[in-house]
Amino acid sequence: MIAGRVFGNGRHDIPVSHPRSPDVSRHCTEFSQMTHVIDDARVYGRIHFRFDQEAGALMGRDVGSYVYKHNLRCSHDNEDCGDDE
């Protein structure tokens, strides 16, 4: 995952909440958990269908990969970069 390559694959504490529901909060330790929570909220909230969330995720990964390969550089303290430096 591109976010893991940029920010490292270590455990993170990512709070996921929305201003309309201040008492409801989720804490994710991986970026993929965060995207699944957001996808589910958009489907259950009748904002999107599951198939367009999946299509958007594929497109987002393609865009993220392109930006990573063409515009970003690895930080020196990220061991996951390999030959990308």
PDB file of N, CA and C in Angstrom:
ATOM      1  N   MET A   1       0.837  -1.168   0.000  1.00  0.00           N
ATOM      2  CA  MET A   1       0.000   0.000   0.000  1.00  0.00           C
ATOM      3  C   MET A   1       0.890   1.242   0.000  1.00  0.00           C
ATOM      4  N   ILE A   2       0.508   2.222  -0.766  1.00  0.00           N
ATOM      5  CA  ILE A   2       1.309   3.437  -0.928  1.00  0.00           C
ATOM      6  C   ILE A   2       1.463   4.185   0.398  1.00  0.00           C
ATOM      7  N   ALA A   3       0.394   4.327   1.165  1.00  0.00           N
ATOM      8  CA  ALA A   3       0.495   5.049   2.446  1.00  0.00           C
ATOM      9  C   ALA A   3       1.523   4.395   3.360  1.00  0.00           C
ATOM     10  N   GLY A   4       1.580   3.080   3.359  1.00  0.00           N
ATOM     11  CA  GLY A   4       2.568   2.366   4.166  1.00  0.00           C
ATOM     12  C   GLY A   4       3.982   2.631   3.705  1.00  0.00           C
ATOM     13  N   ARG A   5       4.170   2.775   2.407  1.00  0.00           N
ATOM     14  CA  ARG A   5       5.504   3.065   1.886  1.00  0.00           C
ATOM     15  C   ARG A   5       5.930   4.487   2.242  1.00  0.00           C
ATOM     16  N   VAL A   6       4.982   5.404   2.301  1.00  0.00           N
ATOM     17  CA  VAL A   6       5.308   6.798   2.622  1.00  0.00           C
ATOM     18  C   VAL A   6       5.477   6.985   4.125  1.00  0.00           C
ATOM     19  N   PHE A   7       4.556   6.444   4.925  1.00  0.00           N
ATOM     20  CA  PHE A   7       4.548   6.682   6.366  1.00  0.00           C
ATOM     21  C   PHE A   7       5.134   5.550   7.187  1.00  0.00           C
ATOM     22  N   GLY A   8       5.528   4.454   6.540  1.00  0.00           N
ATOM     23  CA  GLY A   8       6.049   3.296   7.257  1.00  0.00           C
ATOM     24  C   GLY A   8       4.927   2.328   7.583  1.00  0.00           C
ATOM     25  N   ASN A   9       5.277   1.057   7.712  1.00  0.00           N
ATOM     26  CA  ASN A   9       4.267   0.030   7.952  1.00  0.00           C
ATOM     27  C   ASN A   9       4.093  -0.313   9.417  1.00  0.00           C
ATOM     28  N   GLY A  10       4.669   0.490  10.294  1.00  0.00           N
ATOM     29  CA  GLY A  10       4.502   0.248  11.723  1.00  0.00           C
ATOM     30  C   GLY A  10       3.084   0.519  12.152  1.00  0.00           C
ATOM     31  N   ARG A  11       2.775   0.143  13.355  1.00  0.00           N
ATOM     32  CA  ARG A  11       1.435   0.370  13.880  1.00  0.00           C
ATOM     33  C   ARG A  11       1.202   1.864  14.082  1.00  0.00           C
ATOM     34  N   HIS A  12       0.037   2.293  13.704  1.00  0.00           N
ATOM     35  CA  HIS A  12      -0.368   3.688  13.853  1.00  0.00           C
ATOM     36  C   HIS A  12      -1.646   3.724  14.691  1.00  0.00           C
ATOM     37  N   ASP A  13      -1.962   4.863  15.247  1.00  0.00           N
ATOM     38  CA  ASP A  13      -3.252   5.070  15.903  1.00  0.00           C
ATOM     39  C   ASP A  13      -3.962   6.146  15.112  1.00  0.00           C
ATOM     40  N   ILE A  14      -4.899   5.715  14.270  1.00  0.00           N
ATOM     41  CA  ILE A  14      -5.593   6.625  13.373  1.00  0.00           C
ATOM     42  C   ILE A  14      -7.041   6.737  13.845  1.00  0.00           C
ATOM     43  N   PRO A  15      -7.423   7.870  14.438  1.00  0.00           N
ATOM     44  CA  PRO A  15      -8.817   8.029  14.851  1.00  0.00           C
ATOM     45  C   PRO A  15      -9.685   8.369  13.640  1.00  0.00           C
ATOM     46  N   VAL A  16     -10.840   7.729  13.531  1.00  0.00           N
ATOM     47  CA  VAL A  16     -11.783   7.988  12.447  1.00  0.00           C
ATOM     48  C   VAL A  16     -13.091   8.417  13.087  1.00  0.00           C
ATOM     49  N   SER A  17     -13.530   9.638  12.762  1.00  0.00           N
ATOM     50  CA  SER A  17     -14.779  10.154  13.325  1.00  0.00           C
ATOM     51  C   SER A  17     -15.409  11.126  12.339  1.00  0.00           C
ATOM     52  N   HIS A  18     -16.581  11.625  12.705  1.00  0.00           N
ATOM     53  CA  HIS A  18     -17.281  12.595  11.863  1.00  0.00           C
ATOM     54  C   HIS A  18     -17.938  13.622  12.779  1.00  0.00           C
ATOM     55  N   PRO A  19     -17.915  14.904  12.381  1.00  0.00           N
ATOM     56  CA  PRO A  19     -18.484  15.954  13.237  1.00  0.00           C
ATOM     57  C   PRO A  19     -19.969  15.753  13.556  1.00  0.00           C
ATOM     58  N   ARG A  20     -20.713  15.107  12.664  1.00  0.00           N
ATOM     59  CA  ARG A  20     -22.146  14.891  12.927  1.00  0.00           C
ATOM     60  C   ARG A  20     -22.395  13.820  13.981  1.00  0.00           C
ATOM     61  N   SER A  21     -21.404  12.998  14.236  1.00  0.00           N
ATOM     62  CA  SER A  21     -21.523  11.948  15.258  1.00  0.00           C
ATOM     63  C   SER A  21     -20.314  12.016  16.186  1.00  0.00           C
ATOM     64  N   PRO A  22     -20.223  13.059  16.997  1.00  0.00           N
ATOM     65  CA  PRO A  22     -19.022  13.251  17.820  1.00  0.00           C
ATOM     66  C   PRO A  22     -18.795  12.152  18.860  1.00  0.00           C
ATOM     67  N   ASP A  23     -19.849  11.424  19.220  1.00  0.00           N
ATOM     68  CA  ASP A  23     -19.701  10.367  20.226  1.00  0.00           C
ATOM     69  C   ASP A  23     -19.253   9.037  19.624  1.00  0.00           C
ATOM     70  N   VAL A  24     -19.219   8.964  18.299  1.00  0.00           N
ATOM     71  CA  VAL A  24     -18.834   7.722  17.626  1.00  0.00           C
ATOM     72  C   VAL A  24     -17.442   7.905  17.043  1.00  0.00           C
ATOM     73  N   SER A  25     -16.534   7.051  17.456  1.00  0.00           N
ATOM     74  CA  SER A  25     -15.157   7.133  16.966  1.00  0.00           C
ATOM     75  C   SER A  25     -14.585   5.732  16.858  1.00  0.00           C
ATOM     76  N   ARG A  26     -13.784   5.529  15.846  1.00  0.00           N
ATOM     77  CA  ARG A  26     -13.080   4.252  15.668  1.00  0.00           C
ATOM     78  C   ARG A  26     -11.593   4.547  15.686  1.00  0.00           C
ATOM     79  N   HIS A  27     -10.819   3.625  16.176  1.00  0.00           N
ATOM     80  CA  HIS A  27      -9.367   3.757  16.133  1.00  0.00           C
ATOM     81  C   HIS A  27      -8.815   2.610  15.300  1.00  0.00           C
ATOM     82  N   CYS A  28      -8.114   2.966  14.264  1.00  0.00           N
ATOM     83  CA  CYS A  28      -7.537   1.973  13.358  1.00  0.00           C
ATOM     84  C   CYS A  28      -6.026   1.938  13.551  1.00  0.00           C
ATOM     85  N   THR A  29      -5.446   0.762  13.388  1.00  0.00           N
ATOM     86  CA  THR A  29      -3.996   0.621  13.511  1.00  0.00           C
ATOM     87  C   THR A  29      -3.328   0.449  12.158  1.00  0.00           C
ATOM     88  N   GLU A  30      -4.116   0.257  11.113  1.00  0.00           N
ATOM     89  CA  GLU A  30      -3.582   0.100   9.765  1.00  0.00           C
ATOM     90  C   GLU A  30      -4.390   0.965   8.804  1.00  0.00           C
ATOM     91  N   PHE A  31      -3.757   1.418   7.738  1.00  0.00           N
ATOM     92  CA  PHE A  31      -4.432   2.258   6.764  1.00  0.00           C
ATOM     93  C   PHE A  31      -5.592   1.524   6.094  1.00  0.00           C
ATOM     94  N   SER A  32      -5.447   0.223   5.867  1.00  0.00           N
ATOM     95  CA  SER A  32      -6.521  -0.534   5.215  1.00  0.00           C
ATOM     96  C   SER A  32      -7.773  -0.582   6.097  1.00  0.00           C
ATOM     97  N   GLN A  33      -7.602  -0.645   7.410  1.00  0.00           N
ATOM     98  CA  GLN A  33      -8.757  -0.613   8.315  1.00  0.00           C
ATOM     99  C   GLN A  33      -9.503   0.705   8.162  1.00  0.00           C
ATOM    100  N   MET A  34      -8.760   1.798   8.067  1.00  0.00           N
ATOM    101  CA  MET A  34      -9.372   3.109   7.937  1.00  0.00           C
ATOM    102  C   MET A  34     -10.197   3.196   6.653  1.00  0.00           C
ATOM    103  N   THR A  35      -9.657   2.714   5.549  1.00  0.00           N
ATOM    104  CA  THR A  35     -10.404   2.801   4.295  1.00  0.00           C
ATOM    105  C   THR A  35     -11.641   1.914   4.329  1.00  0.00           C
ATOM    106  N   HIS A  36     -11.572   0.760   4.996  1.00  0.00           N
ATOM    107  CA  HIS A  36     -12.760  -0.098   5.098  1.00  0.00           C
ATOM    108  C   HIS A  36     -13.853   0.569   5.937  1.00  0.00           C
ATOM    109  N   VAL A  37     -13.474   1.232   7.017  1.00  0.00           N
ATOM    110  CA  VAL A  37     -14.444   1.934   7.861  1.00  0.00           C
ATOM    111  C   VAL A  37     -15.125   3.037   7.049  1.00  0.00           C
ATOM    112  N   ILE A  38     -14.349   3.802   6.316  1.00  0.00           N
ATOM    113  CA  ILE A  38     -14.907   4.895   5.520  1.00  0.00           C
ATOM    114  C   ILE A  38     -15.791   4.347   4.403  1.00  0.00           C
ATOM    115  N   ASP A  39     -15.339   3.284   3.723  1.00  0.00           N
ATOM    116  CA  ASP A  39     -16.156   2.661   2.674  1.00  0.00           C
ATOM    117  C   ASP A  39     -17.505   2.215   3.229  1.00  0.00           C
ATOM    118  N   ASP A  40     -17.470   1.512   4.361  1.00  0.00           N
ATOM    119  CA  ASP A  40     -18.719   1.029   4.959  1.00  0.00           C
ATOM    120  C   ASP A  40     -19.643   2.185   5.318  1.00  0.00           C
ATOM    121  N   ALA A  41     -19.103   3.247   5.884  1.00  0.00           N
ATOM    122  CA  ALA A  41     -19.927   4.396   6.271  1.00  0.00           C
ATOM    123  C   ALA A  41     -20.603   5.022   5.056  1.00  0.00           C
ATOM    124  N   ARG A  42     -19.885   5.102   3.938  1.00  0.00           N
ATOM    125  CA  ARG A  42     -20.470   5.703   2.732  1.00  0.00           C
ATOM    126  C   ARG A  42     -21.541   4.801   2.118  1.00  0.00           C
ATOM    127  N   VAL A  43     -21.363   3.485   2.214  1.00  0.00           N
ATOM    128  CA  VAL A  43     -22.377   2.557   1.700  1.00  0.00           C
ATOM    129  C   VAL A  43     -23.598   2.551   2.622  1.00  0.00           C
ATOM    130  N   TYR A  44     -23.366   2.391   3.940  1.00  0.00           N
ATOM    131  CA  TYR A  44     -24.485   2.350   4.877  1.00  0.00           C
ATOM    132  C   TYR A  44     -25.216   3.692   4.959  1.00  0.00           C
ATOM    133  N   GLY A  45     -24.500   4.770   4.697  1.00  0.00           N
ATOM    134  CA  GLY A  45     -25.119   6.096   4.691  1.00  0.00           C
ATOM    135  C   GLY A  45     -25.831   6.421   3.391  1.00  0.00           C
ATOM    136  N   ARG A  46     -25.852   5.465   2.472  1.00  0.00           N
ATOM    137  CA  ARG A  46     -26.519   5.601   1.176  1.00  0.00           C
ATOM    138  C   ARG A  46     -25.942   6.715   0.325  1.00  0.00           C
ATOM    139  N   ILE A  47     -24.663   6.984   0.512  1.00  0.00           N
ATOM    140  CA  ILE A  47     -23.974   7.974  -0.313  1.00  0.00           C
ATOM    141  C   ILE A  47     -23.435   7.314  -1.574  1.00  0.00           C
ATOM    142  N   HIS A  48     -22.989   6.054  -1.441  1.00  0.00           N
ATOM    143  CA  HIS A  48     -22.428   5.287  -2.554  1.00  0.00           C
ATOM    144  C   HIS A  48     -22.906   3.852  -2.481  1.00  0.00           C
ATOM    145  N   PHE A  49     -22.684   3.144  -3.577  1.00  0.00           N
ATOM    146  CA  PHE A  49     -22.893   1.704  -3.614  1.00  0.00           C
ATOM    147  C   PHE A  49     -21.550   1.029  -3.408  1.00  0.00           C
ATOM    148  N   ARG A  50     -21.582  -0.244  -3.028  1.00  0.00           N
ATOM    149  CA  ARG A  50     -20.328  -0.964  -2.783  1.00  0.00           C
ATOM    150  C   ARG A  50     -19.460  -1.015  -4.043  1.00  0.00           C
ATOM    151  N   PHE A  51     -20.081  -1.255  -5.213  1.00  0.00           N
ATOM    152  CA  PHE A  51     -19.279  -1.387  -6.428  1.00  0.00           C
ATOM    153  C   PHE A  51     -18.540  -0.104  -6.782  1.00  0.00           C
ATOM    154  N   ASP A  52     -19.136   1.068  -6.521  1.00  0.00           N
ATOM    155  CA  ASP A  52     -18.397   2.282  -6.862  1.00  0.00           C
ATOM    156  C   ASP A  52     -17.346   2.625  -5.812  1.00  0.00           C
ATOM    157  N   GLN A  53     -17.529   2.181  -4.577  1.00  0.00           N
ATOM    158  CA  GLN A  53     -16.466   2.321  -3.587  1.00  0.00           C
ATOM    159  C   GLN A  53     -15.259   1.480  -4.002  1.00  0.00           C
ATOM    160  N   GLU A  54     -15.510   0.262  -4.482  1.00  0.00           N
ATOM    161  CA  GLU A  54     -14.422  -0.615  -4.915  1.00  0.00           C
ATOM    162  C   GLU A  54     -13.724  -0.050  -6.151  1.00  0.00           C
ATOM    163  N   ALA A  55     -14.502   0.485  -7.102  1.00  0.00           N
ATOM    164  CA  ALA A  55     -13.907   1.082  -8.303  1.00  0.00           C
ATOM    165  C   ALA A  55     -13.083   2.316  -7.927  1.00  0.00           C
ATOM    166  N   GLY A  56     -13.593   3.118  -7.008  1.00  0.00           N
ATOM    167  CA  GLY A  56     -12.856   4.293  -6.554  1.00  0.00           C
ATOM    168  C   GLY A  56     -11.563   3.928  -5.834  1.00  0.00           C
ATOM    169  N   ALA A  57     -11.602   2.827  -5.076  1.00  0.00           N
ATOM    170  CA  ALA A  57     -10.392   2.374  -4.370  1.00  0.00           C
ATOM    171  C   ALA A  57      -9.324   1.947  -5.372  1.00  0.00           C
ATOM    172  N   LEU A  58      -9.718   1.229  -6.419  1.00  0.00           N
ATOM    173  CA  LEU A  58      -8.756   0.831  -7.455  1.00  0.00           C
ATOM    174  C   LEU A  58      -8.150   2.053  -8.140  1.00  0.00           C
ATOM    175  N   MET A  59      -8.998   3.009  -8.476  1.00  0.00           N
ATOM    176  CA  MET A  59      -8.509   4.225  -9.121  1.00  0.00           C
ATOM    177  C   MET A  59      -7.574   4.993  -8.182  1.00  0.00           C
ATOM    178  N   GLY A  60      -7.939   5.058  -6.916  1.00  0.00           N
ATOM    179  CA  GLY A  60      -7.108   5.750  -5.938  1.00  0.00           C
ATOM    180  C   GLY A  60      -5.736   5.108  -5.781  1.00  0.00           C
ATOM    181  N   ARG A  61      -5.705   3.767  -5.802  1.00  0.00           N
ATOM    182  CA  ARG A  61      -4.411   3.076  -5.729  1.00  0.00           C
ATOM    183  C   ARG A  61      -3.564   3.373  -6.955  1.00  0.00           C
ATOM    184  N   ASP A  62      -4.191   3.413  -8.125  1.00  0.00           N
ATOM    185  CA  ASP A  62      -3.452   3.729  -9.353  1.00  0.00           C
ATOM    186  C   ASP A  62      -2.891   5.151  -9.307  1.00  0.00           C
ATOM    187  N   VAL A  63      -3.706   6.098  -8.876  1.00  0.00           N
ATOM    188  CA  VAL A  63      -3.243   7.488  -8.770  1.00  0.00           C
ATOM    189  C   VAL A  63      -2.134   7.598  -7.730  1.00  0.00           C
ATOM    190  N   GLY A  64      -2.327   6.958  -6.566  1.00  0.00           N
ATOM    191  CA  GLY A  64      -1.301   6.979  -5.520  1.00  0.00           C
ATOM    192  C   GLY A  64       0.009   6.378  -5.991  1.00  0.00           C
ATOM    193  N   SER A  65      -0.054   5.272  -6.723  1.00  0.00           N
ATOM    194  CA  SER A  65       1.164   4.638  -7.253  1.00  0.00           C
ATOM    195  C   SER A  65       1.874   5.565  -8.227  1.00  0.00           C
ATOM    196  N   TYR A  66       1.116   6.206  -9.083  1.00  0.00           N
ATOM    197  CA  TYR A  66       1.716   7.122 -10.058  1.00  0.00           C
ATOM    198  C   TYR A  66       2.414   8.291  -9.353  1.00  0.00           C
ATOM    199  N   VAL A  67       1.723   8.907  -8.402  1.00  0.00           N
ATOM    200  CA  VAL A  67       2.304  10.036  -7.673  1.00  0.00           C
ATOM    201  C   VAL A  67       3.537   9.596  -6.904  1.00  0.00           C
ATOM    202  N   TYR A  68       3.457   8.427  -6.257  1.00  0.00           N
ATOM    203  CA  TYR A  68       4.598   7.924  -5.495  1.00  0.00           C
ATOM    204  C   TYR A  68       5.806   7.708  -6.399  1.00  0.00           C
ATOM    205  N   LYS A  69       5.593   7.079  -7.526  1.00  0.00           N
ATOM    206  CA  LYS A  69       6.695   6.764  -8.439  1.00  0.00           C
ATOM    207  C   LYS A  69       7.284   7.998  -9.104  1.00  0.00           C
ATOM    208  N   HIS A  70       6.468   9.010  -9.360  1.00  0.00           N
ATOM    209  CA  HIS A  70       6.933  10.147 -10.152  1.00  0.00           C
ATOM    210  C   HIS A  70       7.215  11.417  -9.351  1.00  0.00           C
ATOM    211  N   ASN A  71       6.696  11.522  -8.134  1.00  0.00           N
ATOM    212  CA  ASN A  71       6.824  12.796  -7.419  1.00  0.00           C
ATOM    213  C   ASN A  71       7.361  12.710  -6.001  1.00  0.00           C
ATOM    214  N   LEU A  72       7.374  11.551  -5.381  1.00  0.00           N
ATOM    215  CA  LEU A  72       7.779  11.455  -3.978  1.00  0.00           C
ATOM    216  C   LEU A  72       9.133  10.777  -3.829  1.00  0.00           C
ATOM    217  N   ARG A  73       9.805  11.090  -2.752  1.00  0.00           N
ATOM    218  CA  ARG A  73      11.071  10.458  -2.405  1.00  0.00           C
ATOM    219  C   ARG A  73      10.929   9.851  -1.018  1.00  0.00           C
ATOM    220  N   CYS A  74      11.623   8.756  -0.775  1.00  0.00           N
ATOM    221  CA  CYS A  74      11.577   8.113   0.527  1.00  0.00           C
ATOM    222  C   CYS A  74      12.366   8.914   1.557  1.00  0.00           C
ATOM    223  N   SER A  75      11.898   8.844   2.793  1.00  0.00           N
ATOM    224  CA  SER A  75      12.679   9.435   3.872  1.00  0.00           C
ATOM    225  C   SER A  75      13.808   8.476   4.221  1.00  0.00           C
ATOM    226  N   HIS A  76      14.876   8.993   4.751  1.00  0.00           N
ATOM    227  CA  HIS A  76      16.052   8.172   5.049  1.00  0.00           C
ATOM    228  C   HIS A  76      15.809   7.184   6.187  1.00  0.00           C
ATOM    229  N   ASP A  77      14.831   7.458   7.055  1.00  0.00           N
ATOM    230  CA  ASP A  77      14.583   6.570   8.189  1.00  0.00           C
ATOM    231  C   ASP A  77      13.520   5.504   7.901  1.00  0.00           C
ATOM    232  N   ASN A  78      13.030   5.422   6.661  1.00  0.00           N
ATOM    233  CA  ASN A  78      12.020   4.435   6.301  1.00  0.00           C
ATOM    234  C   ASN A  78      12.708   3.221   5.686  1.00  0.00           C
ATOM    235  N   GLU A  79      12.728   2.106   6.411  1.00  0.00           N
ATOM    236  CA  GLU A  79      13.423   0.903   5.944  1.00  0.00           C
ATOM    237  C   GLU A  79      12.677   0.209   4.813  1.00  0.00           C
ATOM    238  N   ASP A  80      11.403   0.532   4.594  1.00  0.00           N
ATOM    239  CA  ASP A  80      10.601  -0.146   3.577  1.00  0.00           C
ATOM    240  C   ASP A  80      10.838   0.385   2.164  1.00  0.00           C
ATOM    241  N   CYS A  81      11.675   1.389   2.023  1.00  0.00           N
ATOM    242  CA  CYS A  81      11.857   2.009   0.716  1.00  0.00           C
ATOM    243  C   CYS A  81      12.690   1.165  -0.243  1.00  0.00           C
ATOM    244  N   GLY A  82      13.608   0.421   0.251  1.00  0.00           N
ATOM    245  CA  GLY A  82      14.419  -0.413  -0.632  1.00  0.00           C
ATOM    246  C   GLY A  82      15.231   0.417  -1.604  1.00  0.00           C
ATOM    247  N   ASP A  83      15.077   0.146  -2.894  1.00  0.00           N
ATOM    248  CA  ASP A  83      15.842   0.829  -3.936  1.00  0.00           C
ATOM    249  C   ASP A  83      15.198   2.115  -4.407  1.00  0.00           C
ATOM    250  N   ASP A  84      14.157   2.586  -3.758  1.00  0.00           N
ATOM    251  CA  ASP A  84      13.420   3.760  -4.230  1.00  0.00           C
ATOM    252  C   ASP A  84      14.116   5.085  -3.914  1.00  0.00           C
ATOM    253  N   GLU A  85      15.178   5.078  -3.144  1.00  0.00           N
ATOM    254  CA  GLU A  85      15.787   6.339  -2.708  1.00  0.00           C
ATOM    255  C   GLU A  85      16.505   7.029  -3.834  1.00  0.00           C
TER     256      GLU A  85
END
